[in-house]
């Protein structure tokens, strides 16, 4: 079990209903965090994670086996133009 400080941005904050929190994540990988977030917040968070990103130590990680640090940022897909 790992304690991870999670910050949520834009649609991710809407899905979580808060801007940040500390979660106990069973396991210590990006995949474990994704699973914990979907279990906690359901379909709205799953939708965000489907096209969004998780930053670990300021680096985008889509590798489910990447180790977590003490913090992660959950970002929805951003579009620009």
C-alpha atoms as a PDB file:
ATOM      1  CA  UNK A   1       0.000   0.000   0.000  1.00  0.00           C
ATOM      2  CA  UNK A   2       1.308   3.430  -0.922  1.00  0.00           C
ATOM      3  CA  UNK A   3       0.109   6.870   0.181  1.00  0.00           C
ATOM      4  CA  UNK A   4      -0.032   9.092  -2.890  1.00  0.00           C
ATOM      5  CA  UNK A   5      -0.864  12.797  -2.987  1.00  0.00           C
ATOM      6  CA  UNK A   6      -3.135  13.201  -6.028  1.00  0.00           C
ATOM      7  CA  UNK A   7      -3.971  16.533  -7.625  1.00  0.00           C
ATOM      8  CA  UNK A   8      -6.907  16.743 -10.041  1.00  0.00           C
ATOM      9  CA  UNK A   9      -7.309  19.306 -12.802  1.00  0.00           C
ATOM     10  CA  UNK A  10     -10.374  20.492 -14.763  1.00  0.00           C
ATOM     11  CA  UNK A  11     -12.675  17.529 -15.628  1.00  0.00           C
ATOM     12  CA  UNK A  12     -10.658  15.247 -13.331  1.00  0.00           C
ATOM     13  CA  UNK A  13     -11.430  17.585 -10.400  1.00  0.00           C
ATOM     14  CA  UNK A  14     -15.094  17.532 -11.401  1.00  0.00           C
ATOM     15  CA  UNK A  15     -15.098  13.725 -11.481  1.00  0.00           C
ATOM     16  CA  UNK A  16     -13.408  13.520  -8.065  1.00  0.00           C
ATOM     17  CA  UNK A  17     -15.406  16.375  -6.568  1.00  0.00           C
ATOM     18  CA  UNK A  18     -12.227  17.910  -5.147  1.00  0.00           C
ATOM     19  CA  UNK A  19      -8.935  19.444  -6.312  1.00  0.00           C
ATOM     20  CA  UNK A  20      -6.650  17.054  -4.422  1.00  0.00           C
ATOM     21  CA  UNK A  21      -6.402  14.328  -1.802  1.00  0.00           C
ATOM     22  CA  UNK A  22      -4.079  11.716  -0.382  1.00  0.00           C
ATOM     23  CA  UNK A  23      -5.049   8.161  -1.323  1.00  0.00           C
ATOM     24  CA  UNK A  24      -3.900   4.810  -0.070  1.00  0.00           C
ATOM     25  CA  UNK A  25      -3.211   2.939  -3.302  1.00  0.00           C
ATOM     26  CA  UNK A  26      -2.969  -0.857  -3.162  1.00  0.00           C
ATOM     27  CA  UNK A  27       0.277  -1.283  -5.065  1.00  0.00           C
ATOM     28  CA  UNK A  28       2.624   1.402  -6.235  1.00  0.00           C
ATOM     29  CA  UNK A  29       2.238   1.756 -10.006  1.00  0.00           C
ATOM     30  CA  UNK A  30       0.374   4.065 -12.363  1.00  0.00           C
ATOM     31  CA  UNK A  31      -1.925   1.141 -13.222  1.00  0.00           C
ATOM     32  CA  UNK A  32      -2.713   0.641  -9.530  1.00  0.00           C
ATOM     33  CA  UNK A  33      -3.566   4.332  -9.179  1.00  0.00           C
ATOM     34  CA  UNK A  34      -5.803   4.257 -12.259  1.00  0.00           C
ATOM     35  CA  UNK A  35      -7.669   1.228 -10.894  1.00  0.00           C
ATOM     36  CA  UNK A  36      -8.061   2.864  -7.472  1.00  0.00           C
ATOM     37  CA  UNK A  37      -9.425   6.066  -9.026  1.00  0.00           C
ATOM     38  CA  UNK A  38     -11.969   4.227 -11.169  1.00  0.00           C
ATOM     39  CA  UNK A  39     -13.051   2.106  -8.184  1.00  0.00           C
ATOM     40  CA  UNK A  40     -13.474   5.249  -6.072  1.00  0.00           C
ATOM     41  CA  UNK A  41     -15.076   7.622  -8.609  1.00  0.00           C
ATOM     42  CA  UNK A  42     -16.615   5.325 -11.207  1.00  0.00           C
ATOM     43  CA  UNK A  43     -17.487   6.077 -14.791  1.00  0.00           C
ATOM     44  CA  UNK A  44     -16.849   9.854 -14.692  1.00  0.00           C
ATOM     45  CA  UNK A  45     -13.209   9.262 -13.700  1.00  0.00           C
ATOM     46  CA  UNK A  46     -12.880   6.353 -16.128  1.00  0.00           C
ATOM     47  CA  UNK A  47     -13.942   8.713 -18.930  1.00  0.00           C
ATOM     48  CA  UNK A  48     -11.281  11.245 -17.893  1.00  0.00           C
ATOM     49  CA  UNK A  49      -8.565   8.607 -17.646  1.00  0.00           C
ATOM     50  CA  UNK A  50      -9.459   7.065 -21.000  1.00  0.00           C
ATOM     51  CA  UNK A  51      -8.099  10.083 -22.862  1.00  0.00           C
ATOM     52  CA  UNK A  52      -6.283  11.957 -20.101  1.00  0.00           C
ATOM     53  CA  UNK A  53      -2.861  11.645 -18.544  1.00  0.00           C
ATOM     54  CA  UNK A  54      -1.227  10.963 -15.219  1.00  0.00           C
ATOM     55  CA  UNK A  55       1.920  12.907 -14.451  1.00  0.00           C
ATOM     56  CA  UNK A  56       4.453  11.301 -12.118  1.00  0.00           C
ATOM     57  CA  UNK A  57       7.272  13.604 -11.062  1.00  0.00           C
ATOM     58  CA  UNK A  58       6.139  16.031 -13.771  1.00  0.00           C
ATOM     59  CA  UNK A  59       6.410  13.458 -16.572  1.00  0.00           C
ATOM     60  CA  UNK A  60       3.415  12.055 -18.454  1.00  0.00           C
ATOM     61  CA  UNK A  61       3.128   8.340 -17.868  1.00  0.00           C
ATOM     62  CA  UNK A  62       0.787   6.019 -19.707  1.00  0.00           C
ATOM     63  CA  UNK A  63       2.853   2.974 -18.719  1.00  0.00           C
ATOM     64  CA  UNK A  64       0.740   1.081 -16.153  1.00  0.00           C
ATOM     65  CA  UNK A  65       3.912  -0.478 -14.692  1.00  0.00           C
ATOM     66  CA  UNK A  66       5.626   2.833 -13.959  1.00  0.00           C
ATOM     67  CA  UNK A  67       6.331   3.265 -10.262  1.00  0.00           C
ATOM     68  CA  UNK A  68       4.519   6.047  -8.430  1.00  0.00           C
ATOM     69  CA  UNK A  69       6.328   8.582  -6.328  1.00  0.00           C
ATOM     70  CA  UNK A  70       4.640  10.414  -3.491  1.00  0.00           C
ATOM     71  CA  UNK A  71       2.540  12.522  -5.845  1.00  0.00           C
ATOM     72  CA  UNK A  72       0.640  12.329  -9.111  1.00  0.00           C
ATOM     73  CA  UNK A  73      -1.372  14.773 -11.196  1.00  0.00           C
ATOM     74  CA  UNK A  74      -4.473  13.652 -13.089  1.00  0.00           C
ATOM     75  CA  UNK A  75      -5.072  15.711 -16.213  1.00  0.00           C
ATOM     76  CA  UNK A  76      -7.924  15.439 -18.699  1.00  0.00           C
ATOM     77  CA  UNK A  77      -7.219  15.639 -22.391  1.00  0.00           C
ATOM     78  CA  UNK A  78      -6.661  19.236 -23.370  1.00  0.00           C
ATOM     79  CA  UNK A  79      -7.451  20.504 -26.812  1.00  0.00           C
ATOM     80  CA  UNK A  80      -6.014  23.583 -28.348  1.00  0.00           C
ATOM     81  CA  UNK A  81      -6.140  25.353 -31.553  1.00  0.00           C
END
